[in-house]
Amino acid sequence: MTTDEIAGLIRAELPDAQVEVVDQVGDSNHFQAVVVTPTFQGKRLIERHQMVYRSLQGAMADRIHALSIRAYTPEEWVEAR
């Protein structure tokens, strides 16, 4: 999968999200996704990750070997930067 395909799947599930996906080692198998959305407000980290994984529609089973997720609300993102 490409970074654009992954970002597109995430945005389809979380349309108000800002999404940046990076191929961490250049092998189209190990990615990092930064997802910033107000939808994460009040959600625990595990719930946020589950939302992102659900958006990938099974791609984790056979097309993505590893995905690191950084999930923030807009307020948290401002503080993290």
PDB file of N, CA and C in Angstrom:
ATOM      1  N   MET A   1       0.841  -1.184   0.000  1.00  0.00           N
ATOM      2  CA  MET A   1       0.000   0.000   0.000  1.00  0.00           C
ATOM      3  C   MET A   1       0.882   1.242   0.000  1.00  0.00           C
ATOM      4  N   THR A   2       0.314   2.309  -0.476  1.00  0.00           N
ATOM      5  CA  THR A   2       1.047   3.575  -0.449  1.00  0.00           C
ATOM      6  C   THR A   2       0.588   4.407   0.738  1.00  0.00           C
ATOM      7  N   THR A   3       1.375   5.415   1.049  1.00  0.00           N
ATOM      8  CA  THR A   3       1.003   6.318   2.143  1.00  0.00           C
ATOM      9  C   THR A   3      -0.308   7.034   1.820  1.00  0.00           C
ATOM     10  N   ASP A   4      -0.517   7.378   0.563  1.00  0.00           N
ATOM     11  CA  ASP A   4      -1.763   8.044   0.162  1.00  0.00           C
ATOM     12  C   ASP A   4      -2.976   7.129   0.327  1.00  0.00           C
ATOM     13  N   GLU A   5      -2.814   5.859   0.003  1.00  0.00           N
ATOM     14  CA  GLU A   5      -3.923   4.911   0.170  1.00  0.00           C
ATOM     15  C   GLU A   5      -4.298   4.758   1.640  1.00  0.00           C
ATOM     16  N   ILE A   6      -3.296   4.655   2.486  1.00  0.00           N
ATOM     17  CA  ILE A   6      -3.548   4.516   3.921  1.00  0.00           C
ATOM     18  C   ILE A   6      -4.228   5.769   4.455  1.00  0.00           C
ATOM     19  N   ALA A   7      -3.699   6.926   4.111  1.00  0.00           N
ATOM     20  CA  ALA A   7      -4.296   8.183   4.563  1.00  0.00           C
ATOM     21  C   ALA A   7      -5.735   8.305   4.065  1.00  0.00           C
ATOM     22  N   GLY A   8      -5.994   7.894   2.846  1.00  0.00           N
ATOM     23  CA  GLY A   8      -7.340   7.955   2.288  1.00  0.00           C
ATOM     24  C   GLY A   8      -8.326   7.078   3.039  1.00  0.00           C
ATOM     25  N   LEU A   9      -7.899   5.875   3.422  1.00  0.00           N
ATOM     26  CA  LEU A   9      -8.769   4.988   4.191  1.00  0.00           C
ATOM     27  C   LEU A   9      -9.082   5.590   5.560  1.00  0.00           C
ATOM     28  N   ILE A  10      -8.070   6.177   6.186  1.00  0.00           N
ATOM     29  CA  ILE A  10      -8.284   6.788   7.496  1.00  0.00           C
ATOM     30  C   ILE A  10      -9.239   7.973   7.375  1.00  0.00           C
ATOM     31  N   ARG A  11      -9.026   8.808   6.368  1.00  0.00           N
ATOM     32  CA  ARG A  11      -9.904   9.983   6.170  1.00  0.00           C
ATOM     33  C   ARG A  11     -11.332   9.578   5.821  1.00  0.00           C
ATOM     34  N   ALA A  12     -11.508   8.463   5.138  1.00  0.00           N
ATOM     35  CA  ALA A  12     -12.856   7.996   4.803  1.00  0.00           C
ATOM     36  C   ALA A  12     -13.637   7.652   6.066  1.00  0.00           C
ATOM     37  N   GLU A  13     -12.948   7.102   7.056  1.00  0.00           N
ATOM     38  CA  GLU A  13     -13.591   6.727   8.320  1.00  0.00           C
ATOM     39  C   GLU A  13     -13.671   7.904   9.285  1.00  0.00           C
ATOM     40  N   LEU A  14     -12.673   8.775   9.239  1.00  0.00           N
ATOM     41  CA  LEU A  14     -12.595   9.938  10.128  1.00  0.00           C
ATOM     42  C   LEU A  14     -12.460  11.190   9.262  1.00  0.00           C
ATOM     43  N   PRO A  15     -13.558  11.626   8.632  1.00  0.00           N
ATOM     44  CA  PRO A  15     -13.472  12.686   7.624  1.00  0.00           C
ATOM     45  C   PRO A  15     -12.982  14.040   8.129  1.00  0.00           C
ATOM     46  N   ASP A  16     -13.070  14.274   9.425  1.00  0.00           N
ATOM     47  CA  ASP A  16     -12.603  15.558   9.954  1.00  0.00           C
ATOM     48  C   ASP A  16     -11.144  15.505  10.404  1.00  0.00           C
ATOM     49  N   ALA A  17     -10.476  14.392  10.139  1.00  0.00           N
ATOM     50  CA  ALA A  17      -9.107  14.198  10.618  1.00  0.00           C
ATOM     51  C   ALA A  17      -8.069  14.818   9.684  1.00  0.00           C
ATOM     52  N   GLN A  18      -7.015  15.304  10.304  1.00  0.00           N
ATOM     53  CA  GLN A  18      -5.789  15.643   9.587  1.00  0.00           C
ATOM     54  C   GLN A  18      -4.925  14.392   9.686  1.00  0.00           C
ATOM     55  N   VAL A  19      -4.443  13.911   8.567  1.00  0.00           N
ATOM     56  CA  VAL A  19      -3.712  12.641   8.548  1.00  0.00           C
ATOM     57  C   VAL A  19      -2.409  12.809   7.788  1.00  0.00           C
ATOM     58  N   GLU A  20      -1.347  12.335   8.399  1.00  0.00           N
ATOM     59  CA  GLU A  20      -0.051  12.281   7.721  1.00  0.00           C
ATOM     60  C   GLU A  20       0.498  10.879   7.894  1.00  0.00           C
ATOM     61  N   VAL A  21       0.828  10.224   6.791  1.00  0.00           N
ATOM     62  CA  VAL A  21       1.369   8.868   6.837  1.00  0.00           C
ATOM     63  C   VAL A  21       2.748   8.883   6.201  1.00  0.00           C
ATOM     64  N   VAL A  22       3.698   8.249   6.873  1.00  0.00           N
ATOM     65  CA  VAL A  22       5.080   8.192   6.405  1.00  0.00           C
ATOM     66  C   VAL A  22       5.501   6.727   6.296  1.00  0.00           C
ATOM     67  N   ASP A  23       6.153   6.387   5.200  1.00  0.00           N
ATOM     68  CA  ASP A  23       6.762   5.067   5.038  1.00  0.00           C
ATOM     69  C   ASP A  23       8.082   5.127   5.788  1.00  0.00           C
ATOM     70  N   GLN A  24       8.155   4.471   6.925  1.00  0.00           N
ATOM     71  CA  GLN A  24       9.289   4.655   7.828  1.00  0.00           C
ATOM     72  C   GLN A  24      10.618   4.135   7.315  1.00  0.00           C
ATOM     73  N   VAL A  25      10.604   3.044   6.559  1.00  0.00           N
ATOM     74  CA  VAL A  25      11.884   2.494   6.095  1.00  0.00           C
ATOM     75  C   VAL A  25      11.959   2.359   4.578  1.00  0.00           C
ATOM     76  N   GLY A  26      10.938   2.821   3.874  1.00  0.00           N
ATOM     77  CA  GLY A  26      10.966   2.797   2.421  1.00  0.00           C
ATOM     78  C   GLY A  26      10.628   1.465   1.796  1.00  0.00           C
ATOM     79  N   ASP A  27       9.976   0.581   2.569  1.00  0.00           N
ATOM     80  CA  ASP A  27       9.654  -0.737   2.030  1.00  0.00           C
ATOM     81  C   ASP A  27       8.156  -0.944   1.759  1.00  0.00           C
ATOM     82  N   SER A  28       7.369   0.115   1.903  1.00  0.00           N
ATOM     83  CA  SER A  28       5.916   0.044   1.722  1.00  0.00           C
ATOM     84  C   SER A  28       5.278  -1.015   2.614  1.00  0.00           C
ATOM     85  N   ASN A  29       5.858  -1.202   3.779  1.00  0.00           N
ATOM     86  CA  ASN A  29       5.391  -2.205   4.733  1.00  0.00           C
ATOM     87  C   ASN A  29       5.350  -1.701   6.168  1.00  0.00           C
ATOM     88  N   HIS A  30       6.160  -0.701   6.480  1.00  0.00           N
ATOM     89  CA  HIS A  30       6.276  -0.168   7.840  1.00  0.00           C
ATOM     90  C   HIS A  30       5.954   1.328   7.796  1.00  0.00           C
ATOM     91  N   PHE A  31       4.844   1.680   8.433  1.00  0.00           N
ATOM     92  CA  PHE A  31       4.347   3.045   8.338  1.00  0.00           C
ATOM     93  C   PHE A  31       4.142   3.673   9.707  1.00  0.00           C
ATOM     94  N   GLN A  32       4.136   5.003   9.702  1.00  0.00           N
ATOM     95  CA  GLN A  32       3.718   5.762  10.873  1.00  0.00           C
ATOM     96  C   GLN A  32       2.596   6.695  10.426  1.00  0.00           C
ATOM     97  N   ALA A  33       1.512   6.720  11.208  1.00  0.00           N
ATOM     98  CA  ALA A  33       0.394   7.606  10.907  1.00  0.00           C
ATOM     99  C   ALA A  33       0.199   8.568  12.078  1.00  0.00           C
ATOM    100  N   VAL A  34       0.134   9.841  11.756  1.00  0.00           N
ATOM    101  CA  VAL A  34      -0.244  10.857  12.737  1.00  0.00           C
ATOM    102  C   VAL A  34      -1.667  11.265  12.365  1.00  0.00           C
ATOM    103  N   VAL A  35      -2.573  11.083  13.316  1.00  0.00           N
ATOM    104  CA  VAL A  35      -3.985  11.360  13.074  1.00  0.00           C
ATOM    105  C   VAL A  35      -4.459  12.355  14.124  1.00  0.00           C
ATOM    106  N   VAL A  36      -4.973  13.484  13.656  1.00  0.00           N
ATOM    107  CA  VAL A  36      -5.440  14.545  14.546  1.00  0.00           C
ATOM    108  C   VAL A  36      -6.906  14.805  14.224  1.00  0.00           C
ATOM    109  N   THR A  37      -7.770  14.584  15.214  1.00  0.00           N
ATOM    110  CA  THR A  37      -9.204  14.794  14.990  1.00  0.00           C
ATOM    111  C   THR A  37      -9.924  15.080  16.304  1.00  0.00           C
ATOM    112  N   PRO A  38     -10.908  15.956  16.270  1.00  0.00           N
ATOM    113  CA  PRO A  38     -11.697  16.198  17.471  1.00  0.00           C
ATOM    114  C   PRO A  38     -12.518  14.972  17.871  1.00  0.00           C
ATOM    115  N   THR A  39     -12.685  14.027  16.979  1.00  0.00           N
ATOM    116  CA  THR A  39     -13.409  12.793  17.284  1.00  0.00           C
ATOM    117  C   THR A  39     -12.748  12.019  18.419  1.00  0.00           C
ATOM    118  N   PHE A  40     -11.451  12.226  18.617  1.00  0.00           N
ATOM    119  CA  PHE A  40     -10.721  11.525  19.675  1.00  0.00           C
ATOM    120  C   PHE A  40     -10.994  12.101  21.069  1.00  0.00           C
ATOM    121  N   GLN A  41     -11.658  13.235  21.137  1.00  0.00           N
ATOM    122  CA  GLN A  41     -11.932  13.866  22.429  1.00  0.00           C
ATOM    123  C   GLN A  41     -12.660  12.881  23.349  1.00  0.00           C
ATOM    124  N   GLY A  42     -12.134  12.698  24.558  1.00  0.00           N
ATOM    125  CA  GLY A  42     -12.751  11.820  25.550  1.00  0.00           C
ATOM    126  C   GLY A  42     -12.478  10.348  25.344  1.00  0.00           C
ATOM    127  N   LYS A  43     -11.724   9.993  24.307  1.00  0.00           N
ATOM    128  CA  LYS A  43     -11.400   8.595  24.024  1.00  0.00           C
ATOM    129  C   LYS A  43     -10.043   8.239  24.619  1.00  0.00           C
ATOM    130  N   ARG A  44      -9.932   7.030  25.144  1.00  0.00           N
ATOM    131  CA  ARG A  44      -8.643   6.531  25.625  1.00  0.00           C
ATOM    132  C   ARG A  44      -7.760   6.191  24.424  1.00  0.00           C
ATOM    133  N   LEU A  45      -6.474   6.089  24.663  1.00  0.00           N
ATOM    134  CA  LEU A  45      -5.526   5.815  23.578  1.00  0.00           C
ATOM    135  C   LEU A  45      -5.898   4.538  22.828  1.00  0.00           C
ATOM    136  N   ILE A  46      -6.246   3.491  23.547  1.00  0.00           N
ATOM    137  CA  ILE A  46      -6.586   2.229  22.885  1.00  0.00           C
ATOM    138  C   ILE A  46      -7.819   2.394  21.997  1.00  0.00           C
ATOM    139  N   GLU A  47      -8.783   3.178  22.424  1.00  0.00           N
ATOM    140  CA  GLU A  47      -9.970   3.424  21.603  1.00  0.00           C
ATOM    141  C   GLU A  47      -9.608   4.191  20.330  1.00  0.00           C
ATOM    142  N   ARG A  48      -8.712   5.134  20.459  1.00  0.00           N
ATOM    143  CA  ARG A  48      -8.264   5.908  19.293  1.00  0.00           C
ATOM    144  C   ARG A  48      -7.583   4.993  18.282  1.00  0.00           C
ATOM    145  N   HIS A  49      -6.696   4.132  18.772  1.00  0.00           N
ATOM    146  CA  HIS A  49      -5.987   3.208  17.886  1.00  0.00           C
ATOM    147  C   HIS A  49      -6.973   2.253  17.211  1.00  0.00           C
ATOM    148  N   GLN A  50      -7.954   1.775  17.968  1.00  0.00           N
ATOM    149  CA  GLN A  50      -8.957   0.878  17.391  1.00  0.00           C
ATOM    150  C   GLN A  50      -9.723   1.565  16.268  1.00  0.00           C
ATOM    151  N   MET A  51     -10.025   2.838  16.437  1.00  0.00           N
ATOM    152  CA  MET A  51     -10.735   3.587  15.397  1.00  0.00           C
ATOM    153  C   MET A  51      -9.891   3.656  14.120  1.00  0.00           C
ATOM    154  N   VAL A  52      -8.601   3.897  14.284  1.00  0.00           N
ATOM    155  CA  VAL A  52      -7.711   3.978  13.121  1.00  0.00           C
ATOM    156  C   VAL A  52      -7.591   2.607  12.461  1.00  0.00           C
ATOM    157  N   TYR A  53      -7.380   1.560  13.250  1.00  0.00           N
ATOM    158  CA  TYR A  53      -7.275   0.214  12.683  1.00  0.00           C
ATOM    159  C   TYR A  53      -8.544  -0.182  11.939  1.00  0.00           C
ATOM    160  N   ARG A  54      -9.723   0.150  12.491  1.00  0.00           N
ATOM    161  CA  ARG A  54     -10.986  -0.153  11.813  1.00  0.00           C
ATOM    162  C   ARG A  54     -11.056   0.513  10.444  1.00  0.00           C
ATOM    163  N   SER A  55     -10.513   1.714  10.367  1.00  0.00           N
ATOM    164  CA  SER A  55     -10.565   2.451   9.100  1.00  0.00           C
ATOM    165  C   SER A  55      -9.755   1.770   7.998  1.00  0.00           C
ATOM    166  N   LEU A  56      -8.801   0.964   8.373  1.00  0.00           N
ATOM    167  CA  LEU A  56      -7.934   0.326   7.371  1.00  0.00           C
ATOM    168  C   LEU A  56      -8.558  -0.911   6.747  1.00  0.00           C
ATOM    169  N   GLN A  57      -9.745  -1.248   7.173  1.00  0.00           N
ATOM    170  CA  GLN A  57     -10.551  -2.288   6.520  1.00  0.00           C
ATOM    171  C   GLN A  57      -9.793  -3.587   6.264  1.00  0.00           C
ATOM    172  N   GLY A  58      -9.086  -4.061   7.222  1.00  0.00           N
ATOM    173  CA  GLY A  58      -8.401  -5.341   7.078  1.00  0.00           C
ATOM    174  C   GLY A  58      -7.039  -5.275   6.427  1.00  0.00           C
ATOM    175  N   ALA A  59      -6.586  -4.114   6.021  1.00  0.00           N
ATOM    176  CA  ALA A  59      -5.275  -4.009   5.354  1.00  0.00           C
ATOM    177  C   ALA A  59      -4.143  -4.463   6.269  1.00  0.00           C
ATOM    178  N   MET A  60      -4.354  -4.402   7.578  1.00  0.00           N
ATOM    179  CA  MET A  60      -3.316  -4.843   8.506  1.00  0.00           C
ATOM    180  C   MET A  60      -3.086  -6.345   8.404  1.00  0.00           C
ATOM    181  N   ALA A  61      -4.069  -7.072   7.919  1.00  0.00           N
ATOM    182  CA  ALA A  61      -3.950  -8.531   7.832  1.00  0.00           C
ATOM    183  C   ALA A  61      -2.973  -8.982   6.754  1.00  0.00           C
ATOM    184  N   ASP A  62      -2.903  -8.224   5.648  1.00  0.00           N
ATOM    185  CA  ASP A  62      -2.074  -8.733   4.552  1.00  0.00           C
ATOM    186  C   ASP A  62      -1.317  -7.687   3.746  1.00  0.00           C
ATOM    187  N   ARG A  63      -1.590  -6.402   3.969  1.00  0.00           N
ATOM    188  CA  ARG A  63      -0.917  -5.399   3.139  1.00  0.00           C
ATOM    189  C   ARG A  63      -0.023  -4.447   3.911  1.00  0.00           C
ATOM    190  N   ILE A  64      -0.208  -4.397   5.231  1.00  0.00           N
ATOM    191  CA  ILE A  64       0.624  -3.525   6.070  1.00  0.00           C
ATOM    192  C   ILE A  64       1.236  -4.391   7.159  1.00  0.00           C
ATOM    193  N   HIS A  65       2.532  -4.436   7.205  1.00  0.00           N
ATOM    194  CA  HIS A  65       3.206  -5.259   8.216  1.00  0.00           C
ATOM    195  C   HIS A  65       3.203  -4.570   9.575  1.00  0.00           C
ATOM    196  N   ALA A  66       3.491  -3.271   9.597  1.00  0.00           N
ATOM    197  CA  ALA A  66       3.580  -2.547  10.862  1.00  0.00           C
ATOM    198  C   ALA A  66       3.071  -1.121  10.691  1.00  0.00           C
ATOM    199  N   LEU A  67       2.322  -0.665  11.682  1.00  0.00           N
ATOM    200  CA  LEU A  67       1.805   0.697  11.667  1.00  0.00           C
ATOM    201  C   LEU A  67       1.938   1.284  13.058  1.00  0.00           C
ATOM    202  N   SER A  68       2.691   2.348  13.157  1.00  0.00           N
ATOM    203  CA  SER A  68       2.808   3.110  14.396  1.00  0.00           C
ATOM    204  C   SER A  68       1.788   4.244  14.311  1.00  0.00           C
ATOM    205  N   ILE A  69       0.975   4.388  15.343  1.00  0.00           N
ATOM    206  CA  ILE A  69      -0.075   5.400  15.326  1.00  0.00           C
ATOM    207  C   ILE A  69       0.178   6.432  16.417  1.00  0.00           C
ATOM    208  N   ARG A  70       0.119   7.687  16.025  1.00  0.00           N
ATOM    209  CA  ARG A  70       0.137   8.808  16.969  1.00  0.00           C
ATOM    210  C   ARG A  70      -1.209   9.497  16.798  1.00  0.00           C
ATOM    211  N   ALA A  71      -2.054   9.407  17.823  1.00  0.00           N
ATOM    212  CA  ALA A  71      -3.441   9.871  17.731  1.00  0.00           C
ATOM    213  C   ALA A  71      -3.680  11.005  18.725  1.00  0.00           C
ATOM    214  N   TYR A  72      -4.093  12.164  18.206  1.00  0.00           N
ATOM    215  CA  TYR A  72      -4.248  13.360  19.020  1.00  0.00           C
ATOM    216  C   TYR A  72      -5.574  14.059  18.746  1.00  0.00           C
ATOM    217  N   THR A  73      -6.062  14.767  19.771  1.00  0.00           N
ATOM    218  CA  THR A  73      -7.095  15.764  19.530  1.00  0.00           C
ATOM    219  C   THR A  73      -6.358  17.001  19.026  1.00  0.00           C
ATOM    220  N   PRO A  74      -7.053  17.961  18.424  1.00  0.00           N
ATOM    221  CA  PRO A  74      -6.364  19.172  17.968  1.00  0.00           C
ATOM    222  C   PRO A  74      -5.623  19.900  19.102  1.00  0.00           C
ATOM    223  N   GLU A  75      -6.199  19.929  20.275  1.00  0.00           N
ATOM    224  CA  GLU A  75      -5.557  20.596  21.413  1.00  0.00           C
ATOM    225  C   GLU A  75      -4.276  19.866  21.828  1.00  0.00           C
ATOM    226  N   GLU A  76      -4.344  18.537  21.862  1.00  0.00           N
ATOM    227  CA  GLU A  76      -3.162  17.749  22.199  1.00  0.00           C
ATOM    228  C   GLU A  76      -2.064  17.924  21.157  1.00  0.00           C
ATOM    229  N   TRP A  77      -2.458  18.029  19.899  1.00  0.00           N
ATOM    230  CA  TRP A  77      -1.486  18.192  18.814  1.00  0.00           C
ATOM    231  C   TRP A  77      -0.725  19.506  18.963  1.00  0.00           C
ATOM    232  N   VAL A  78      -1.429  20.562  19.319  1.00  0.00           N
ATOM    233  CA  VAL A  78      -0.782  21.861  19.521  1.00  0.00           C
ATOM    234  C   VAL A  78       0.272  21.747  20.618  1.00  0.00           C
ATOM    235  N   GLU A  79      -0.074  21.039  21.699  1.00  0.00           N
ATOM    236  CA  GLU A  79       0.862  20.879  22.812  1.00  0.00           C
ATOM    237  C   GLU A  79       2.039  19.974  22.442  1.00  0.00           C
ATOM    238  N   ALA A  80       1.790  18.961  21.625  1.00  0.00           N
ATOM    239  CA  ALA A  80       2.829  17.989  21.270  1.00  0.00           C
ATOM    240  C   ALA A  80       3.868  18.538  20.304  1.00  0.00           C
ATOM    241  N   ARG A  81       3.503  19.550  19.559  1.00  0.00           N
ATOM    242  CA  ARG A  81       4.415  20.074  18.533  1.00  0.00           C
ATOM    243  C   ARG A  81       5.483  20.906  19.095  1.00  0.00           C
TER     244      ARG A  81
END
